């Protein structure tokens, strides 16, 4: 069974595994495990009832997709936390390439797209376990068999764009990409960062950024800083944008 193989993979990296059919949110499952045990864990669920995205937005989580949270003991400085975004999205991209899915793009700050349709997204949280022991919790959702409807942007899923017919096979392959990239991060960081940058949507194009509260700004998208802020060229100057969404 794929669940057994996933558990073996994670055991090799001293990481626990919790598989659930239904849960409120895998982020809370992972956080509670760390709180009680202090070890790395991967939580996988087939359905969430209270999934959440950035800024407390609801993460629509119908049955049949991949909803996971990965809690890792972490010594990376908080100013460089965006590396976990790079690590996760590029590992997902590499996984999809193994199934013949090309042209995966990343939309700042945390969305995964295929041909202008949203395929998934991630969220990062830090968690202080004890005085000097910190964890990062990476939440991710990938549309495998279904896509949310009634949204104000186009969406897709893996079944529509590939021959993937087993979410566990996909997740096992992802684990086989994610953990080697994490363990070898010091050696791989430049390659991962370059692959991430080369896959950014709207790079060197004029964009609109919705900063909330009806504030829209425009400029040329020039890249992303190590802290995850967007570099915008506006009025002949570079400025860093720390929150908002690129308007499609």
Protein backbone atom coordinates (compact mmCIF):
# COMPACT_ATOMS: atom_id res chain seq x y z
CA UNK A 1 0.00 0.00 0.00
CA UNK A 2 1.14 3.55 -0.69
CA UNK A 3 0.44 4.53 2.92
CA UNK A 4 2.98 1.94 4.08
CA UNK A 5 5.56 3.24 1.60
CA UNK A 6 4.96 6.84 2.66
CA UNK A 7 5.45 5.84 6.29
CA UNK A 8 8.72 4.08 5.44
CA UNK A 9 9.98 7.13 3.55
CA UNK A 10 9.22 9.39 6.50
CA UNK A 11 10.69 6.98 9.03
CA UNK A 12 13.98 7.23 7.12
CA UNK A 13 13.92 10.96 7.85
CA UNK A 14 12.91 10.55 11.52
CA UNK A 15 9.49 11.94 10.76
CA UNK A 16 6.14 10.61 11.99
CA UNK A 17 3.11 10.18 9.74
CA UNK A 18 -0.58 10.70 10.45
CA UNK A 19 -3.14 9.85 7.77
CA UNK A 20 -6.74 11.01 8.21
CA UNK A 21 -9.88 10.70 6.15
CA UNK A 22 -11.48 13.77 7.73
CA UNK A 23 -10.18 16.54 9.97
CA UNK A 24 -10.83 20.16 10.86
CA UNK A 25 -7.43 21.31 9.61
CA UNK A 26 -4.12 19.48 9.20
CA UNK A 27 -2.29 22.60 10.44
CA UNK A 28 -3.82 22.17 13.89
CA UNK A 29 -3.16 18.41 13.81
CA UNK A 30 0.51 19.05 13.11
CA UNK A 31 0.76 21.80 15.72
CA UNK A 32 -0.84 19.63 18.40
CA UNK A 33 1.51 16.75 17.62
CA UNK A 34 4.54 19.01 17.94
CA UNK A 35 3.18 20.51 21.14
CA UNK A 36 2.78 17.07 22.72
CA UNK A 37 5.80 15.28 21.25
CA UNK A 38 8.36 17.75 19.90
CA UNK A 39 9.09 15.72 16.75
CA UNK A 40 8.70 16.27 13.02
CA UNK A 41 5.48 15.02 11.48
CA UNK A 42 3.61 14.90 8.19
CA UNK A 43 -0.19 14.99 8.39
CA UNK A 44 -2.24 13.98 5.34
CA UNK A 45 -6.02 14.25 5.06
CA UNK A 46 -8.54 13.52 2.33
CA UNK A 47 -10.95 16.19 3.49
CA UNK A 48 -10.87 19.25 5.78
CA UNK A 49 -13.83 21.02 7.32
CA UNK A 50 -12.04 24.14 8.55
CA UNK A 51 -9.07 24.52 6.22
CA UNK A 52 -7.60 28.01 6.18
CA UNK A 53 -5.39 30.01 3.88
CA UNK A 54 -3.57 33.31 4.21
CA UNK A 55 -5.05 36.03 6.43
CA UNK A 56 -7.57 33.57 7.84
CA UNK A 57 -9.28 33.00 4.49
CA UNK A 58 -11.23 29.77 4.21
CA UNK A 59 -9.39 27.01 2.34
CA UNK A 60 -12.10 25.09 0.51
CA UNK A 61 -11.22 21.42 0.99
CA UNK A 62 -13.56 18.94 -0.73
CA UNK A 63 -12.92 15.22 -0.51
CA UNK A 64 -10.43 13.59 -2.86
CA UNK A 65 -7.54 16.04 -2.92
CA UNK A 66 -4.23 16.34 -1.08
CA UNK A 67 -4.36 18.35 2.13
CA UNK A 68 -1.18 18.10 4.15
CA UNK A 69 0.84 19.85 6.83
CA UNK A 70 4.53 19.23 7.35
CA UNK A 71 6.06 20.23 10.70
CA UNK A 72 9.86 20.46 10.72
CA UNK A 73 12.26 21.38 13.47
CA UNK A 74 13.91 24.46 12.05
CA UNK A 75 17.04 26.54 12.56
CA UNK A 76 16.58 28.86 9.56
CA UNK A 77 16.32 32.53 10.52
CA UNK A 78 12.78 33.88 10.34
CA UNK A 79 13.89 36.47 7.77
CA UNK A 80 14.66 33.58 5.41
CA UNK A 81 11.45 31.63 6.00
CA UNK A 82 10.42 32.10 2.39
CA UNK A 83 12.87 29.30 1.60
CA UNK A 84 10.19 26.90 2.83
CA UNK A 85 7.87 28.28 0.18
CA UNK A 86 10.56 27.68 -2.45
CA UNK A 87 11.34 24.21 -1.10
CA UNK A 88 7.70 23.14 -1.15
CA UNK A 89 6.59 24.64 -4.45
CA UNK A 90 9.64 23.46 -6.38
CA UNK A 91 9.34 19.96 -4.87
CA UNK A 92 5.71 19.93 -6.03
CA UNK A 93 6.78 21.14 -9.45
CA UNK A 94 9.41 18.39 -9.74
CA UNK A 95 6.79 15.83 -8.71
CA UNK A 96 4.36 17.01 -11.36
CA UNK A 97 7.09 16.91 -13.98
CA UNK A 98 7.59 13.23 -13.17
CA UNK A 99 3.94 12.74 -14.19
CA UNK A 100 4.42 14.69 -17.41
CA UNK A 101 2.92 17.98 -16.21
CA UNK A 102 4.96 20.88 -17.58
CA UNK A 103 4.65 24.66 -17.31
CA UNK A 104 3.80 24.82 -13.61
CA UNK A 105 4.03 28.43 -12.48
CA UNK A 106 4.15 30.17 -9.10
CA UNK A 107 2.08 33.26 -8.34
CA UNK A 108 3.30 35.41 -5.48
CA UNK A 109 2.94 34.92 -2.63
CA UNK A 110 1.86 31.26 -2.38
CA UNK A 111 -0.24 29.99 -5.30
CA UNK A 112 0.52 27.19 -7.77
CA UNK A 113 -0.82 27.57 -11.29
CA UNK A 114 -1.07 25.56 -14.48
CA UNK A 115 -1.80 27.54 -17.65
CA UNK A 116 -3.41 30.44 -15.81
CA UNK A 117 -5.57 28.16 -13.64
CA UNK A 118 -4.98 27.70 -9.93
CA UNK A 119 -3.96 24.17 -8.99
CA UNK A 120 -3.09 24.60 -5.33
CA UNK A 121 -1.36 26.69 -2.71
CA UNK A 122 0.67 26.64 0.47
CA UNK A 123 0.77 28.47 3.80
CA UNK A 124 3.58 28.81 6.35
CA UNK A 125 3.41 29.18 10.11
CA UNK A 126 6.15 29.23 12.73
CA UNK A 127 5.67 27.47 16.06
CA UNK A 128 7.79 27.82 19.17
CA UNK A 129 7.93 24.44 20.89
CA UNK A 130 10.24 25.34 23.74
CA UNK A 131 12.52 28.25 24.51
CA UNK A 132 15.06 27.71 21.71
CA UNK A 133 13.31 24.98 19.69
CA UNK A 134 11.32 26.25 16.74
CA UNK A 135 9.27 24.46 14.11
CA UNK A 136 7.92 25.59 10.79
CA UNK A 137 4.57 24.16 9.71
CA UNK A 138 3.96 24.03 5.97
CA UNK A 139 0.36 23.62 4.92
CA UNK A 140 -0.36 22.63 1.34
CA UNK A 141 -3.40 21.83 -0.73
CA UNK A 142 -3.33 20.35 -4.23
CA UNK A 143 -6.44 19.78 -6.34
CA UNK A 144 -6.21 16.15 -7.44
CA UNK A 145 -9.71 14.97 -8.34
CA UNK A 146 -11.83 18.05 -7.71
CA UNK A 147 -11.59 21.83 -7.89
CA UNK A 148 -13.48 24.38 -5.79
CA UNK A 149 -16.29 26.11 -7.64
CA UNK A 150 -17.90 29.54 -7.37
CA UNK A 151 -14.53 31.27 -7.13
CA UNK A 152 -13.58 34.51 -8.85
CA UNK A 153 -10.61 32.95 -10.68
CA UNK A 154 -10.13 29.86 -12.89
CA UNK A 155 -9.10 26.57 -11.25
CA UNK A 156 -8.05 23.10 -12.38
CA UNK A 157 -7.00 19.74 -10.92
CA UNK A 158 -4.49 17.00 -11.68
CA UNK A 159 -7.07 14.65 -13.16
CA UNK A 160 -7.94 17.27 -15.78
CA UNK A 161 -4.35 17.80 -16.90
CA UNK A 162 -2.66 14.40 -16.42
CA UNK A 163 -3.15 10.67 -16.03
CA UNK A 164 -2.75 10.78 -12.25
CA UNK A 165 -5.49 8.61 -10.75
CA UNK A 166 -4.19 8.00 -7.22
CA UNK A 167 -3.61 10.83 -4.75
CA UNK A 168 -1.39 8.62 -2.59
CA UNK A 169 0.93 7.79 -5.49
CA UNK A 170 1.27 11.50 -6.13
CA UNK A 171 1.92 12.25 -2.46
CA UNK A 172 4.49 9.47 -2.14
CA UNK A 173 6.38 10.92 -5.10
CA UNK A 174 6.21 14.35 -3.54
CA UNK A 175 7.69 13.04 -0.29
CA UNK A 176 10.52 11.51 -2.30
CA UNK A 177 11.29 14.94 -3.70
CA UNK A 178 10.59 17.12 -0.68
CA UNK A 179 12.69 15.42 1.99
CA UNK A 180 15.91 14.96 -0.02
CA UNK A 181 15.65 18.64 -0.99
CA UNK A 182 15.17 19.57 2.67
CA UNK A 183 18.00 17.41 3.98
CA UNK A 184 20.35 18.70 1.26
CA UNK A 185 19.11 22.28 1.41
CA UNK A 186 22.55 23.84 1.83
CA UNK A 187 23.74 22.16 -1.37
CA UNK A 188 20.51 22.60 -3.34
CA UNK A 189 19.36 26.07 -2.32
CA UNK A 190 20.78 27.86 -5.36
CA UNK A 191 19.29 25.37 -7.83
CA UNK A 192 15.92 25.42 -6.05
CA UNK A 193 15.87 29.21 -5.93
CA UNK A 194 16.77 29.48 -9.61
CA UNK A 195 14.05 27.01 -10.63
CA UNK A 196 11.57 28.93 -8.50
CA UNK A 197 12.52 32.30 -10.01
CA UNK A 198 12.33 30.93 -13.55
CA UNK A 199 8.76 29.77 -12.87
CA UNK A 200 7.35 33.02 -11.48
CA UNK A 201 4.22 34.35 -13.16
CA UNK A 202 4.37 37.93 -14.51
CA UNK A 203 8.12 38.37 -13.96
CA UNK A 204 9.32 41.60 -15.64
CA UNK A 205 5.73 42.48 -16.50
CA UNK A 206 3.51 45.32 -15.33
CA UNK A 207 1.28 44.07 -12.51
CA UNK A 208 -1.43 45.29 -10.18
CA UNK A 209 -1.22 44.37 -6.49
CA UNK A 210 -4.27 44.41 -4.27
CA UNK A 211 -3.02 45.33 -0.80
CA UNK A 212 -6.46 45.22 0.79
CA UNK A 213 -8.74 48.01 1.97
CA UNK A 214 -9.29 49.03 -1.68
CA UNK A 215 -5.60 49.89 -2.12
CA UNK A 216 -4.24 48.92 -5.54
CA UNK A 217 -0.67 49.66 -6.61
CA UNK A 218 1.07 49.02 -9.93
CA UNK A 219 4.60 48.57 -11.21
CA UNK A 220 7.01 46.16 -12.87
CA UNK A 221 7.50 42.83 -11.05
CA UNK A 222 11.27 42.35 -10.69
CA UNK A 223 11.49 39.29 -8.43
CA UNK A 224 11.26 38.20 -4.80
CA UNK A 225 13.57 38.95 -1.88
CA UNK A 226 14.86 36.25 0.49
CA UNK A 227 12.26 37.30 3.06
CA UNK A 228 9.46 36.68 0.55
CA UNK A 229 8.65 40.31 -0.21
CA UNK A 230 7.92 41.20 -3.81
CA UNK A 231 10.30 43.56 -5.62
CA UNK A 232 8.35 46.21 -7.51
CA UNK A 233 9.87 48.77 -9.86
CA UNK A 234 7.80 51.93 -9.61
CA UNK A 235 8.61 55.58 -10.23
CA UNK A 236 12.16 54.63 -11.25
CA UNK A 237 12.81 53.02 -7.86
CA UNK A 238 12.72 49.50 -6.44
CA UNK A 239 10.46 48.91 -3.47
CA UNK A 240 9.57 45.82 -1.41
CA UNK A 241 5.94 44.77 -1.04
CA UNK A 242 5.32 42.56 2.00
CA UNK A 243 1.62 41.76 1.68
CA UNK A 244 -1.04 41.64 -0.97
CA UNK A 245 -2.05 39.62 -4.02
CA UNK A 246 -1.23 40.03 -7.68
CA UNK A 247 -4.43 40.80 -9.54
CA UNK A 248 -5.08 38.39 -12.41
